[in-house]
């Protein structure tokens, strides 16, 4: 149970990080 929750958390963090990086790239490209 704990391992499943941990992997889920890792996945969420990874997805959010990718989205953040995309936003930063778009921001840098705009400027």
N, C-alpha and C. Protein backbone atom coordinates (compact mmCIF):
# COMPACT_ATOMS: atom_id res chain seq x y z
N UNK A 1 0.84 -1.20 0.00
CA UNK A 1 0.00 0.00 0.00
C UNK A 1 0.88 1.25 0.00
N UNK A 2 1.83 1.28 0.90
CA UNK A 2 2.71 2.45 0.99
C UNK A 2 3.54 2.62 -0.29
N UNK A 3 4.03 1.51 -0.82
CA UNK A 3 4.83 1.56 -2.04
C UNK A 3 3.99 2.09 -3.21
N UNK A 4 2.75 1.64 -3.28
CA UNK A 4 1.87 2.10 -4.36
C UNK A 4 1.65 3.61 -4.23
N UNK A 5 1.38 4.07 -3.02
CA UNK A 5 1.17 5.50 -2.80
C UNK A 5 2.43 6.29 -3.15
N UNK A 6 3.57 5.75 -2.80
CA UNK A 6 4.83 6.44 -3.08
C UNK A 6 5.06 6.57 -4.58
N UNK A 7 4.82 5.50 -5.32
CA UNK A 7 5.01 5.55 -6.77
C UNK A 7 4.02 6.51 -7.41
N UNK A 8 2.81 6.54 -6.86
CA UNK A 8 1.79 7.47 -7.36
C UNK A 8 2.25 8.90 -7.13
N UNK A 9 2.79 9.15 -5.97
CA UNK A 9 3.28 10.48 -5.63
C UNK A 9 4.43 10.87 -6.56
N UNK A 10 5.34 9.92 -6.80
CA UNK A 10 6.46 10.17 -7.71
C UNK A 10 5.94 10.53 -9.10
N UNK A 11 4.91 9.81 -9.55
CA UNK A 11 4.34 10.06 -10.88
C UNK A 11 3.75 11.47 -10.95
N UNK A 12 3.02 11.85 -9.92
CA UNK A 12 2.41 13.19 -9.86
C UNK A 12 3.49 14.26 -9.89
N UNK A 13 4.53 14.07 -9.08
CA UNK A 13 5.64 15.03 -9.03
C UNK A 13 6.30 15.12 -10.40
N UNK A 14 6.52 13.98 -11.04
CA UNK A 14 7.16 13.94 -12.35
C UNK A 14 6.31 14.68 -13.38
N UNK A 15 5.01 14.44 -13.36
CA UNK A 15 4.10 15.08 -14.31
C UNK A 15 4.07 16.58 -14.09
N UNK A 16 3.98 16.99 -12.82
CA UNK A 16 3.96 18.42 -12.52
C UNK A 16 5.27 19.07 -12.94
N UNK A 17 6.37 18.37 -12.74
CA UNK A 17 7.68 18.91 -13.11
C UNK A 17 7.75 19.12 -14.63
N UNK A 18 7.26 18.14 -15.40
CA UNK A 18 7.26 18.26 -16.86
C UNK A 18 6.43 19.46 -17.29
N UNK A 19 5.28 19.63 -16.67
CA UNK A 19 4.41 20.76 -17.01
C UNK A 19 5.11 22.07 -16.68
N UNK A 20 5.76 22.12 -15.55
CA UNK A 20 6.49 23.33 -15.12
C UNK A 20 7.60 23.65 -16.12
N UNK A 21 8.35 22.64 -16.52
CA UNK A 21 9.44 22.84 -17.49
C UNK A 21 8.87 23.37 -18.81
N UNK A 22 7.75 22.79 -19.25
CA UNK A 22 7.11 23.25 -20.49
C UNK A 22 6.73 24.72 -20.37
N UNK A 23 6.14 25.10 -19.25
CA UNK A 23 5.75 26.49 -19.04
C UNK A 23 6.96 27.41 -19.07
N UNK A 24 8.04 26.99 -18.44
CA UNK A 24 9.25 27.80 -18.43
C UNK A 24 9.81 27.98 -19.84
N UNK A 25 9.80 26.91 -20.63
CA UNK A 25 10.30 26.97 -22.00
C UNK A 25 9.44 27.94 -22.81
N UNK A 26 8.14 27.85 -22.66
CA UNK A 26 7.22 28.75 -23.37
C UNK A 26 7.50 30.20 -22.95
N UNK A 27 7.72 30.40 -21.68
CA UNK A 27 7.98 31.74 -21.16
C UNK A 27 9.28 32.29 -21.74
N UNK A 28 10.31 31.49 -21.76
CA UNK A 28 11.62 31.91 -22.29
C UNK A 28 11.49 32.20 -23.79
N UNK A 29 10.73 31.38 -24.50
CA UNK A 29 10.54 31.57 -25.93
C UNK A 29 9.78 32.87 -26.21
N UNK A 30 8.82 33.18 -25.37
CA UNK A 30 8.01 34.39 -25.55
C UNK A 30 8.85 35.65 -25.36
N UNK A 31 9.75 35.61 -24.39
CA UNK A 31 10.55 36.79 -24.05
C UNK A 31 11.73 36.97 -25.00
